[in-house]
Amino acid sequence: SRSPLTVDNALQQMIIFINAYLALKPENKLVVLATNKRECKCLYP
């Protein structure tokens, strides 16, 4: 909430980066985690 970059804009840019990483090699693997003050979750896979 204090950042000049909104979380939605940051997520869109991060997803583009993730797609570029997956496009480099079909054998590349990916894990996405999200964390805040209260919890930590695995979003993908």
ModelCIF file with pLDDT and N, C-alpha, C, O atoms, coordinates in Angstrom:
data_MODEL
#
_entry.id   MODEL 
#
_entity.id                         1 
_entity.type                       polymer 
_entity.pdbx_number_of_molecules   1 
#
_entity_poly.entity_id                      1 
_entity_poly.type                           'polypeptide(L)' 
_entity_poly.nstd_linkage                   no 
_entity_poly.nstd_monomer                   no 
_entity_poly.pdbx_seq_one_letter_code       SRSPLTVDNALQQMIIFINAYLALKPENKLVVLATNKRECKCLYP 
_entity_poly.pdbx_seq_one_letter_code_can   SRSPLTVDNALQQMIIFINAYLALKPENKLVVLATNKRECKCLYP 
_entity_poly.pdbx_strand_id                 A 
#
loop_
_entity_poly_seq.entity_id 
_entity_poly_seq.num 
_entity_poly_seq.mon_id 
_entity_poly_seq.hetero 
1 1  SER n 
1 2  ARG n 
1 3  SER n 
1 4  PRO n 
1 5  LEU n 
1 6  THR n 
1 7  VAL n 
1 8  ASP n 
1 9  ASN n 
1 10 ALA n 
1 11 LEU n 
1 12 GLN n 
1 13 GLN n 
1 14 MET n 
1 15 ILE n 
1 16 ILE n 
1 17 PHE n 
1 18 ILE n 
1 19 ASN n 
1 20 ALA n 
1 21 TYR n 
1 22 LEU n 
1 23 ALA n 
1 24 LEU n 
1 25 LYS n 
1 26 PRO n 
1 27 GLU n 
1 28 ASN n 
1 29 LYS n 
1 30 LEU n 
1 31 VAL n 
1 32 VAL n 
1 33 LEU n 
1 34 ALA n 
1 35 THR n 
1 36 ASN n 
1 37 LYS n 
1 38 ARG n 
1 39 GLU n 
1 40 CYS n 
1 41 LYS n 
1 42 CYS n 
1 43 LEU n 
1 44 TYR n 
1 45 PRO n 
#
_struct_asym.id          A 
_struct_asym.entity_id   1 
#
loop_
_ma_qa_metric.id 
_ma_qa_metric.mode 
_ma_qa_metric.name 
_ma_qa_metric.software_group_id 
_ma_qa_metric.type 
1 global pLDDT . pLDDT 
2 local  pLDDT . pLDDT 
#
_ma_qa_metric_global.metric_id      1 
_ma_qa_metric_global.metric_value   91.76 
_ma_qa_metric_global.model_id       1 
_ma_qa_metric_global.ordinal_id     1 
#
loop_
_ma_qa_metric_local.label_asym_id 
_ma_qa_metric_local.label_comp_id 
_ma_qa_metric_local.label_seq_id 
_ma_qa_metric_local.metric_id 
_ma_qa_metric_local.metric_value 
_ma_qa_metric_local.model_id 
_ma_qa_metric_local.ordinal_id 
A SER 1  2 89.00 1 1  
A ARG 2  2 88.00 1 2  
A SER 3  2 88.00 1 3  
A PRO 4  2 89.00 1 4  
A LEU 5  2 90.00 1 5  
A THR 6  2 91.00 1 6  
A VAL 7  2 91.00 1 7  
A ASP 8  2 92.00 1 8  
A ASN 9  2 93.00 1 9  
A ALA 10 2 93.00 1 10 
A LEU 11 2 94.00 1 11 
A GLN 12 2 93.00 1 12 
A GLN 13 2 95.00 1 13 
A MET 14 2 95.00 1 14 
A ILE 15 2 94.00 1 15 
A ILE 16 2 94.00 1 16 
A PHE 17 2 96.00 1 17 
A ILE 18 2 95.00 1 18 
A ASN 19 2 93.00 1 19 
A ALA 20 2 93.00 1 20 
A TYR 21 2 94.00 1 21 
A LEU 22 2 92.00 1 22 
A ALA 23 2 91.00 1 23 
A LEU 24 2 90.00 1 24 
A LYS 25 2 89.00 1 25 
A PRO 26 2 87.00 1 26 
A GLU 27 2 89.00 1 27 
A ASN 28 2 91.00 1 28 
A LYS 29 2 93.00 1 29 
A LEU 30 2 94.00 1 30 
A VAL 31 2 95.00 1 31 
A VAL 32 2 96.00 1 32 
A LEU 33 2 96.00 1 33 
A ALA 34 2 95.00 1 34 
A THR 35 2 93.00 1 35 
A ASN 36 2 89.00 1 36 
A LYS 37 2 86.00 1 37 
A ARG 38 2 84.00 1 38 
A GLU 39 2 88.00 1 39 
A CYS 40 2 92.00 1 40 
A LYS 41 2 92.00 1 41 
A CYS 42 2 93.00 1 42 
A LEU 43 2 93.00 1 43 
A TYR 44 2 92.00 1 44 
A PRO 45 2 89.00 1 45 
#
loop_
_atom_site.group_PDB 
_atom_site.id 
_atom_site.type_symbol 
_atom_site.label_atom_id 
_atom_site.label_alt_id 
_atom_site.label_comp_id 
_atom_site.label_asym_id 
_atom_site.label_entity_id 
_atom_site.label_seq_id 
_atom_site.pdbx_PDB_ins_code 
_atom_site.Cartn_x 
_atom_site.Cartn_y 
_atom_site.Cartn_z 
_atom_site.occupancy 
_atom_site.B_iso_or_equiv 
_atom_site.pdbx_formal_charge 
_atom_site.auth_seq_id 
_atom_site.auth_comp_id 
_atom_site.auth_asym_id 
_atom_site.auth_atom_id 
_atom_site.pdbx_PDB_model_num 
ATOM 1   N N  . SER A 1 1  ? 0.819  -1.215  0.000   1.00 89.00 ? 1  SER A N  1 
ATOM 2   C CA . SER A 1 1  ? 0.000  0.000   0.000   1.00 89.00 ? 1  SER A CA 1 
ATOM 3   C C  . SER A 1 1  ? 0.851  1.261   0.000   1.00 89.00 ? 1  SER A C  1 
ATOM 4   O O  . SER A 1 1  ? 0.359  2.320   -0.391  1.00 89.00 ? 1  SER A O  1 
ATOM 5   N N  . ARG A 1 2  ? 2.109  1.187   0.424   1.00 88.00 ? 2  ARG A N  1 
ATOM 6   C CA . ARG A 1 2  ? 3.009  2.341   0.437   1.00 88.00 ? 2  ARG A CA 1 
ATOM 7   C C  . ARG A 1 2  ? 3.918  2.388   -0.782  1.00 88.00 ? 2  ARG A C  1 
ATOM 8   O O  . ARG A 1 2  ? 4.672  3.346   -0.953  1.00 88.00 ? 2  ARG A O  1 
ATOM 9   N N  . SER A 1 3  ? 3.858  1.377   -1.623  1.00 88.00 ? 3  SER A N  1 
ATOM 10  C CA . SER A 1 3  ? 4.757  1.295   -2.775  1.00 88.00 ? 3  SER A CA 1 
ATOM 11  C C  . SER A 1 3  ? 4.185  2.054   -3.967  1.00 88.00 ? 3  SER A C  1 
ATOM 12  O O  . SER A 1 3  ? 2.978  2.005   -4.204  1.00 88.00 ? 3  SER A O  1 
ATOM 13  N N  . PRO A 1 4  ? 5.039  2.762   -4.728  1.00 89.00 ? 4  PRO A N  1 
ATOM 14  C CA . PRO A 1 4  ? 4.543  3.421   -5.954  1.00 89.00 ? 4  PRO A CA 1 
ATOM 15  C C  . PRO A 1 4  ? 4.151  2.424   -7.033  1.00 89.00 ? 4  PRO A C  1 
ATOM 16  O O  . PRO A 1 4  ? 3.377  2.761   -7.928  1.00 89.00 ? 4  PRO A O  1 
ATOM 17  N N  . LEU A 1 5  ? 4.668  1.210   -6.966  1.00 90.00 ? 5  LEU A N  1 
ATOM 18  C CA . LEU A 1 5  ? 4.285  0.147   -7.887  1.00 90.00 ? 5  LEU A CA 1 
ATOM 19  C C  . LEU A 1 5  ? 3.175  -0.686  -7.253  1.00 90.00 ? 5  LEU A C  1 
ATOM 20  O O  . LEU A 1 5  ? 3.359  -1.246  -6.173  1.00 90.00 ? 5  LEU A O  1 
ATOM 21  N N  . THR A 1 6  ? 2.038  -0.768  -7.913  1.00 91.00 ? 6  THR A N  1 
ATOM 22  C CA . THR A 1 6  ? 0.918  -1.528  -7.361  1.00 91.00 ? 6  THR A CA 1 
ATOM 23  C C  . THR A 1 6  ? 1.210  -3.012  -7.421  1.00 91.00 ? 6  THR A C  1 
ATOM 24  O O  . THR A 1 6  ? 2.012  -3.468  -8.236  1.00 91.00 ? 6  THR A O  1 
ATOM 25  N N  . VAL A 1 7  ? 0.556  -3.758  -6.553  1.00 91.00 ? 7  VAL A N  1 
ATOM 26  C CA . VAL A 1 7  ? 0.779  -5.194  -6.514  1.00 91.00 ? 7  VAL A CA 1 
ATOM 27  C C  . VAL A 1 7  ? 0.270  -5.860  -7.790  1.00 91.00 ? 7  VAL A C  1 
ATOM 28  O O  . VAL A 1 7  ? 0.845  -6.856  -8.230  1.00 91.00 ? 7  VAL A O  1 
ATOM 29  N N  . ASP A 1 8  ? -0.799 -5.330  -8.394  1.00 92.00 ? 8  ASP A N  1 
ATOM 30  C CA . ASP A 1 8  ? -1.308 -5.900  -9.641  1.00 92.00 ? 8  ASP A CA 1 
ATOM 31  C C  . ASP A 1 8  ? -0.306 -5.731  -10.780 1.00 92.00 ? 8  ASP A C  1 
ATOM 32  O O  . ASP A 1 8  ? -0.074 -6.658  -11.555 1.00 92.00 ? 8  ASP A O  1 
ATOM 33  N N  . ASN A 1 9  ? 0.277  -4.554  -10.872 1.00 93.00 ? 9  ASN A N  1 
ATOM 34  C CA . ASN A 1 9  ? 1.276  -4.305  -11.912 1.00 93.00 ? 9  ASN A CA 1 
ATOM 35  C C  . ASN A 1 9  ? 2.518  -5.167  -11.705 1.00 93.00 ? 9  ASN A C  1 
ATOM 36  O O  . ASN A 1 9  ? 3.086  -5.690  -12.664 1.00 93.00 ? 9  ASN A O  1 
ATOM 37  N N  . ALA A 1 10 ? 2.935  -5.310  -10.451 1.00 93.00 ? 10 ALA A N  1 
ATOM 38  C CA . ALA A 1 10 ? 4.104  -6.141  -10.162 1.00 93.00 ? 10 ALA A CA 1 
ATOM 39  C C  . ALA A 1 10 ? 3.842  -7.604  -10.503 1.00 93.00 ? 10 ALA A C  1 
ATOM 40  O O  . ALA A 1 10 ? 4.727  -8.285  -11.021 1.00 93.00 ? 10 ALA A O  1 
ATOM 41  N N  . LEU A 1 11 ? 2.643  -8.092  -10.220 1.00 94.00 ? 11 LEU A N  1 
ATOM 42  C CA . LEU A 1 11 ? 2.301  -9.477  -10.540 1.00 94.00 ? 11 LEU A CA 1 
ATOM 43  C C  . LEU A 1 11 ? 2.266  -9.711  -12.045 1.00 94.00 ? 11 LEU A C  1 
ATOM 44  O O  . LEU A 1 11 ? 2.721  -10.752 -12.517 1.00 94.00 ? 11 LEU A O  1 
ATOM 45  N N  . GLN A 1 12 ? 1.738  -8.764  -12.798 1.00 93.00 ? 12 GLN A N  1 
ATOM 46  C CA . GLN A 1 12 ? 1.719  -8.904  -14.247 1.00 93.00 ? 12 GLN A CA 1 
ATOM 47  C C  . GLN A 1 12 ? 3.127  -8.997  -14.817 1.00 93.00 ? 12 GLN A C  1 
ATOM 48  O O  . GLN A 1 12 ? 3.384  -9.818  -15.698 1.00 93.00 ? 12 GLN A O  1 
ATOM 49  N N  . GLN A 1 13 ? 4.034  -8.172  -14.329 1.00 95.00 ? 13 GLN A N  1 
ATOM 50  C CA . GLN A 1 13 ? 5.418  -8.220  -14.798 1.00 95.00 ? 13 GLN A CA 1 
ATOM 51  C C  . GLN A 1 13 ? 6.102  -9.521  -14.369 1.00 95.00 ? 13 GLN A C  1 
ATOM 52  O O  . GLN A 1 13 ? 6.887  -10.091 -15.127 1.00 95.00 ? 13 GLN A O  1 
ATOM 53  N N  . MET A 1 14 ? 5.804  -9.988  -13.158 1.00 95.00 ? 14 MET A N  1 
ATOM 54  C CA . MET A 1 14 ? 6.405  -11.236 -12.696 1.00 95.00 ? 14 MET A CA 1 
ATOM 55  C C  . MET A 1 14 ? 5.902  -12.427 -13.505 1.00 95.00 ? 14 MET A C  1 
ATOM 56  O O  . MET A 1 14 ? 6.674  -13.345 -13.781 1.00 95.00 ? 14 MET A O  1 
ATOM 57  N N  . ILE A 1 15 ? 4.640  -12.433 -13.887 1.00 94.00 ? 15 ILE A N  1 
ATOM 58  C CA . ILE A 1 15 ? 4.098  -13.530 -14.688 1.00 94.00 ? 15 ILE A CA 1 
ATOM 59  C C  . ILE A 1 15 ? 4.733  -13.549 -16.075 1.00 94.00 ? 15 ILE A C  1 
ATOM 60  O O  . ILE A 1 15 ? 5.001  -14.622 -16.615 1.00 94.00 ? 15 ILE A O  1 
ATOM 61  N N  . ILE A 1 16 ? 4.975  -12.384 -16.654 1.00 94.00 ? 16 ILE A N  1 
ATOM 62  C CA . ILE A 1 16 ? 5.678  -12.336 -17.939 1.00 94.00 ? 16 ILE A CA 1 
ATOM 63  C C  . ILE A 1 16 ? 7.079  -12.921 -17.801 1.00 94.00 ? 16 ILE A C  1 
ATOM 64  O O  . ILE A 1 16 ? 7.537  -13.654 -18.678 1.00 94.00 ? 16 ILE A O  1 
ATOM 65  N N  . PHE A 1 17 ? 7.752  -12.604 -16.715 1.00 96.00 ? 17 PHE A N  1 
ATOM 66  C CA . PHE A 1 17 ? 9.086  -13.164 -16.478 1.00 96.00 ? 17 PHE A CA 1 
ATOM 67  C C  . PHE A 1 17 ? 9.021  -14.682 -16.306 1.00 96.00 ? 17 PHE A C  1 
ATOM 68  O O  . PHE A 1 17 ? 9.871  -15.401 -16.831 1.00 96.00 ? 17 PHE A O  1 
ATOM 69  N N  . ILE A 1 18 ? 8.023  -15.172 -15.577 1.00 95.00 ? 18 ILE A N  1 
ATOM 70  C CA . ILE A 1 18 ? 7.884  -16.615 -15.383 1.00 95.00 ? 18 ILE A CA 1 
ATOM 71  C C  . ILE A 1 18 ? 7.632  -17.330 -16.710 1.00 95.00 ? 18 ILE A C  1 
ATOM 72  O O  . ILE A 1 18 ? 8.207  -18.387 -16.965 1.00 95.00 ? 18 ILE A O  1 
ATOM 73  N N  . ASN A 1 19 ? 6.776  -16.758 -17.553 1.00 93.00 ? 19 ASN A N  1 
ATOM 74  C CA . ASN A 1 19 ? 6.513  -17.359 -18.862 1.00 93.00 ? 19 ASN A CA 1 
ATOM 75  C C  . ASN A 1 19 ? 7.768  -17.380 -19.728 1.00 93.00 ? 19 ASN A C  1 
ATOM 76  O O  . ASN A 1 19 ? 8.002  -18.340 -20.462 1.00 93.00 ? 19 ASN A O  1 
ATOM 77  N N  . ALA A 1 20 ? 8.573  -16.328 -19.645 1.00 93.00 ? 20 ALA A N  1 
ATOM 78  C CA . ALA A 1 20 ? 9.834  -16.311 -20.394 1.00 93.00 ? 20 ALA A CA 1 
ATOM 79  C C  . ALA A 1 20 ? 10.785 -17.387 -19.888 1.00 93.00 ? 20 ALA A C  1 
ATOM 80  O O  . ALA A 1 20 ? 11.497 -18.008 -20.678 1.00 93.00 ? 20 ALA A O  1 
ATOM 81  N N  . TYR A 1 21 ? 10.801 -17.608 -18.593 1.00 94.00 ? 21 TYR A N  1 
ATOM 82  C CA . TYR A 1 21 ? 11.650 -18.666 -18.027 1.00 94.00 ? 21 TYR A CA 1 
ATOM 83  C C  . TYR A 1 21 ? 11.197 -20.037 -18.499 1.00 94.00 ? 21 TYR A C  1 
ATOM 84  O O  . TYR A 1 21 ? 12.028 -20.865 -18.872 1.00 94.00 ? 21 TYR A O  1 
ATOM 85  N N  . LEU A 1 22 ? 9.896  -20.293 -18.489 1.00 92.00 ? 22 LEU A N  1 
ATOM 86  C CA . LEU A 1 22 ? 9.383  -21.588 -18.940 1.00 92.00 ? 22 LEU A CA 1 
ATOM 87  C C  . LEU A 1 22 ? 9.614  -21.801 -20.435 1.00 92.00 ? 22 LEU A C  1 
ATOM 88  O O  . LEU A 1 22 ? 9.741  -22.941 -20.881 1.00 92.00 ? 22 LEU A O  1 
ATOM 89  N N  . ALA A 1 23 ? 9.669  -20.731 -21.205 1.00 91.00 ? 23 ALA A N  1 
ATOM 90  C CA . ALA A 1 23 ? 9.876  -20.853 -22.651 1.00 91.00 ? 23 ALA A CA 1 
ATOM 91  C C  . ALA A 1 23 ? 11.326 -21.133 -23.024 1.00 91.00 ? 23 ALA A C  1 
ATOM 92  O O  . ALA A 1 23 ? 11.601 -21.522 -24.159 1.00 91.00 ? 23 ALA A O  1 
ATOM 93  N N  . LEU A 1 24 ? 12.259 -20.945 -22.095 1.00 90.00 ? 24 LEU A N  1 
ATOM 94  C CA . LEU A 1 24 ? 13.668 -21.185 -22.416 1.00 90.00 ? 24 LEU A CA 1 
ATOM 95  C C  . LEU A 1 24 ? 13.936 -22.653 -22.697 1.00 90.00 ? 24 LEU A C  1 
ATOM 96  O O  . LEU A 1 24 ? 14.576 -22.990 -23.694 1.00 90.00 ? 24 LEU A O  1 
ATOM 97  N N  . LYS A 1 25 ? 13.452 -23.526 -21.829 1.00 89.00 ? 25 LYS A N  1 
ATOM 98  C CA . LYS A 1 25 ? 13.642 -24.962 -21.975 1.00 89.00 ? 25 LYS A CA 1 
ATOM 99  C C  . LYS A 1 25 ? 12.359 -25.660 -21.552 1.00 89.00 ? 25 LYS A C  1 
ATOM 100 O O  . LYS A 1 25 ? 11.765 -25.291 -20.539 1.00 89.00 ? 25 LYS A O  1 
ATOM 101 N N  . PRO A 1 26 ? 11.919 -26.658 -22.305 1.00 87.00 ? 26 PRO A N  1 
ATOM 102 C CA . PRO A 1 26 ? 10.713 -27.393 -21.869 1.00 87.00 ? 26 PRO A CA 1 
ATOM 103 C C  . PRO A 1 26 ? 10.941 -28.203 -20.597 1.00 87.00 ? 26 PRO A C  1 
ATOM 104 O O  . PRO A 1 26 ? 9.980  -28.578 -19.925 1.00 87.00 ? 26 PRO A O  1 
ATOM 105 N N  . GLU A 1 27 ? 12.202 -28.478 -20.257 1.00 89.00 ? 27 GLU A N  1 
ATOM 106 C CA . GLU A 1 27 ? 12.492 -29.264 -19.051 1.00 89.00 ? 27 GLU A CA 1 
ATOM 107 C C  . GLU A 1 27 ? 12.549 -28.403 -17.792 1.00 89.00 ? 27 GLU A C  1 
ATOM 108 O O  . GLU A 1 27 ? 12.637 -28.946 -16.691 1.00 89.00 ? 27 GLU A O  1 
ATOM 109 N N  . ASN A 1 28 ? 12.501 -27.098 -17.920 1.00 91.00 ? 28 ASN A N  1 
ATOM 110 C CA . ASN A 1 28 ? 12.563 -26.226 -16.746 1.00 91.00 ? 28 ASN A CA 1 
ATOM 111 C C  . ASN A 1 28 ? 11.365 -26.452 -15.835 1.00 91.00 ? 28 ASN A C  1 
ATOM 112 O O  . ASN A 1 28 ? 10.244 -26.659 -16.300 1.00 91.00 ? 28 ASN A O  1 
ATOM 113 N N  . LYS A 1 29 ? 11.619 -26.408 -14.533 1.00 93.00 ? 29 LYS A N  1 
ATOM 114 C CA . LYS A 1 29 ? 10.568 -26.610 -13.538 1.00 93.00 ? 29 LYS A CA 1 
ATOM 115 C C  . LYS A 1 29 ? 10.369 -25.327 -12.749 1.00 93.00 ? 29 LYS A C  1 
ATOM 116 O O  . LYS A 1 29 ? 11.269 -24.494 -12.642 1.00 93.00 ? 29 LYS A O  1 
ATOM 117 N N  . LEU A 1 30 ? 9.163  -25.186 -12.198 1.00 94.00 ? 30 LEU A N  1 
ATOM 118 C CA . LEU A 1 30 ? 8.779  -23.946 -11.533 1.00 94.00 ? 30 LEU A CA 1 
ATOM 119 C C  . LEU A 1 30 ? 7.980  -24.243 -10.274 1.00 94.00 ? 30 LEU A C  1 
ATOM 120 O O  . LEU A 1 30 ? 7.144  -25.146 -10.244 1.00 94.00 ? 30 LEU A O  1 
ATOM 121 N N  . VAL A 1 31 ? 8.257  -23.461 -9.233  1.00 95.00 ? 31 VAL A N  1 
ATOM 122 C CA . VAL A 1 31 ? 7.489  -23.472 -7.995  1.00 95.00 ? 31 VAL A CA 1 
ATOM 123 C C  . VAL A 1 31 ? 7.257  -22.016 -7.604  1.00 95.00 ? 31 VAL A C  1 
ATOM 124 O O  . VAL A 1 31 ? 8.191  -21.215 -7.615  1.00 95.00 ? 31 VAL A O  1 
ATOM 125 N N  . VAL A 1 32 ? 6.026  -21.671 -7.260  1.00 96.00 ? 32 VAL A N  1 
ATOM 126 C CA . VAL A 1 32 ? 5.675  -20.308 -6.861  1.00 96.00 ? 32 VAL A CA 1 
ATOM 127 C C  . VAL A 1 32 ? 5.105  -20.347 -5.452  1.00 96.00 ? 32 VAL A C  1 
ATOM 128 O O  . VAL A 1 32 ? 4.143  -21.065 -5.177  1.00 96.00 ? 32 VAL A O  1 
ATOM 129 N N  . LEU A 1 33 ? 5.709  -19.565 -4.561  1.00 96.00 ? 33 LEU A N  1 
ATOM 130 C CA . LEU A 1 33 ? 5.252  -19.436 -3.178  1.00 96.00 ? 33 LEU A CA 1 
ATOM 131 C C  . LEU A 1 33 ? 4.856  -17.990 -2.917  1.00 96.00 ? 33 LEU A C  1 
ATOM 132 O O  . LEU A 1 33 ? 5.408  -17.066 -3.515  1.00 96.00 ? 33 LEU A O  1 
ATOM 133 N N  . ALA A 1 34 ? 3.909  -17.806 -2.032  1.00 95.00 ? 34 ALA A N  1 
ATOM 134 C CA . ALA A 1 34 ? 3.484  -16.468 -1.613  1.00 95.00 ? 34 ALA A CA 1 
ATOM 135 C C  . ALA A 1 34 ? 3.480  -16.412 -0.097  1.00 95.00 ? 34 ALA A C  1 
ATOM 136 O O  . ALA A 1 34 ? 3.061  -17.356 0.572   1.00 95.00 ? 34 ALA A O  1 
ATOM 137 N N  . THR A 1 35 ? 3.951  -15.295 0.436   1.00 93.00 ? 35 THR A N  1 
ATOM 138 C CA . THR A 1 35 ? 4.062  -15.163 1.882   1.00 93.00 ? 35 THR A CA 1 
ATOM 139 C C  . THR A 1 35 ? 3.686  -13.753 2.303   1.00 93.00 ? 35 THR A C  1 
ATOM 140 O O  . THR A 1 35 ? 3.852  -12.799 1.543   1.00 93.00 ? 35 THR A O  1 
ATOM 141 N N  . ASN A 1 36 ? 3.183  -13.635 3.506   1.00 89.00 ? 36 ASN A N  1 
ATOM 142 C CA . ASN A 1 36 ? 2.895  -12.341 4.111   1.00 89.00 ? 36 ASN A CA 1 
ATOM 143 C C  . ASN A 1 36 ? 3.220  -12.420 5.597   1.00 89.00 ? 36 ASN A C  1 
ATOM 144 O O  . ASN A 1 36 ? 4.048  -13.234 6.005   1.00 89.00 ? 36 ASN A O  1 
ATOM 145 N N  . LYS A 1 37 ? 2.587  -11.597 6.397   1.00 86.00 ? 37 LYS A N  1 
ATOM 146 C CA . LYS A 1 37 ? 2.883  -11.604 7.825   1.00 86.00 ? 37 LYS A CA 1 
ATOM 147 C C  . LYS A 1 37 ? 2.362  -12.840 8.528   1.00 86.00 ? 37 LYS A C  1 
ATOM 148 O O  . LYS A 1 37 ? 2.927  -13.255 9.540   1.00 86.00 ? 37 LYS A O  1 
ATOM 149 N N  . ARG A 1 38 ? 1.289  -13.443 8.013   1.00 84.00 ? 38 ARG A N  1 
ATOM 150 C CA . ARG A 1 38 ? 0.580  -14.483 8.752   1.00 84.00 ? 38 ARG A CA 1 
ATOM 151 C C  . ARG A 1 38 ? 0.784  -15.892 8.206   1.00 84.00 ? 38 ARG A C  1 
ATOM 152 O O  . ARG A 1 38 ? 0.715  -16.853 8.972   1.00 84.00 ? 38 ARG A O  1 
ATOM 153 N N  . GLU A 1 39 ? 1.034  -16.045 6.909   1.00 88.00 ? 39 GLU A N  1 
ATOM 154 C CA . GLU A 1 39 ? 1.071  -17.384 6.348   1.00 88.00 ? 39 GLU A CA 1 
ATOM 155 C C  . GLU A 1 39 ? 1.967  -17.433 5.117   1.00 88.00 ? 39 GLU A C  1 
ATOM 156 O O  . GLU A 1 39 ? 2.374  -16.407 4.572   1.00 88.00 ? 39 GLU A O  1 
ATOM 157 N N  . CYS A 1 40 ? 2.256  -18.656 4.703   1.00 92.00 ? 40 CYS A N  1 
ATOM 158 C CA . CYS A 1 40 ? 3.039  -18.915 3.498   1.00 92.00 ? 40 CYS A CA 1 
ATOM 159 C C  . CYS A 1 40 ? 2.379  -20.075 2.757   1.00 92.00 ? 40 CYS A C  1 
ATOM 160 O O  . CYS A 1 40 ? 2.187  -21.148 3.328   1.00 92.00 ? 40 CYS A O  1 
ATOM 161 N N  . LYS A 1 41 ? 2.029  -19.862 1.483   1.00 92.00 ? 41 LYS A N  1 
ATOM 162 C CA . LYS A 1 41 ? 1.320  -20.857 0.697   1.00 92.00 ? 41 LYS A CA 1 
ATOM 163 C C  . LYS A 1 41 ? 2.062  -21.160 -0.592  1.00 92.00 ? 41 LYS A C  1 
ATOM 164 O O  . LYS A 1 41 ? 2.785  -20.324 -1.134  1.00 92.00 ? 41 LYS A O  1 
ATOM 165 N N  . CYS A 1 42 ? 1.859  -22.383 -1.067  1.00 93.00 ? 42 CYS A N  1 
ATOM 166 C CA . CYS A 1 42 ? 2.384  -22.793 -2.373  1.00 93.00 ? 42 CYS A CA 1 
ATOM 167 C C  . CYS A 1 42 ? 1.273  -22.573 -3.400  1.00 93.00 ? 42 CYS A C  1 
ATOM 168 O O  . CYS A 1 42 ? 0.224  -23.213 -3.335  1.00 93.00 ? 42 CYS A O  1 
ATOM 169 N N  . LEU A 1 43 ? 1.510  -21.672 -4.340  1.00 93.00 ? 43 LEU A N  1 
ATOM 170 C CA . LEU A 1 43 ? 0.520  -21.344 -5.356  1.00 93.00 ? 43 LEU A CA 1 
ATOM 171 C C  . LEU A 1 43 ? 0.630  -22.229 -6.591  1.00 93.00 ? 43 LEU A C  1 
ATOM 172 O O  . LEU A 1 43 ? -0.375 -22.530 -7.234  1.00 93.00 ? 43 LEU A O  1 
ATOM 173 N N  . TYR A 1 44 ? 1.839  -22.641 -6.920  1.00 92.00 ? 44 TYR A N  1 
ATOM 174 C CA . TYR A 1 44 ? 2.066  -23.494 -8.087  1.00 92.00 ? 44 TYR A CA 1 
ATOM 175 C C  . TYR A 1 44 ? 3.284  -24.373 -7.794  1.00 92.00 ? 44 TYR A C  1 
ATOM 176 O O  . TYR A 1 44 ? 4.282  -23.883 -7.265  1.00 92.00 ? 44 TYR A O  1 
ATOM 177 N N  . PRO A 1 45 ? 3.215  -25.664 -8.130  1.00 89.00 ? 45 PRO A N  1 
ATOM 178 C CA . PRO A 1 45 ? 2.139  -26.381 -8.830  1.00 89.00 ? 45 PRO A CA 1 
ATOM 179 C C  . PRO A 1 45 ? 0.977  -26.747 -7.907  1.00 89.00 ? 45 PRO A C  1 
ATOM 180 O O  . PRO A 1 45 ? 0.001  -27.350 -8.353  1.00 89.00 ? 45 PRO A O  1 
#
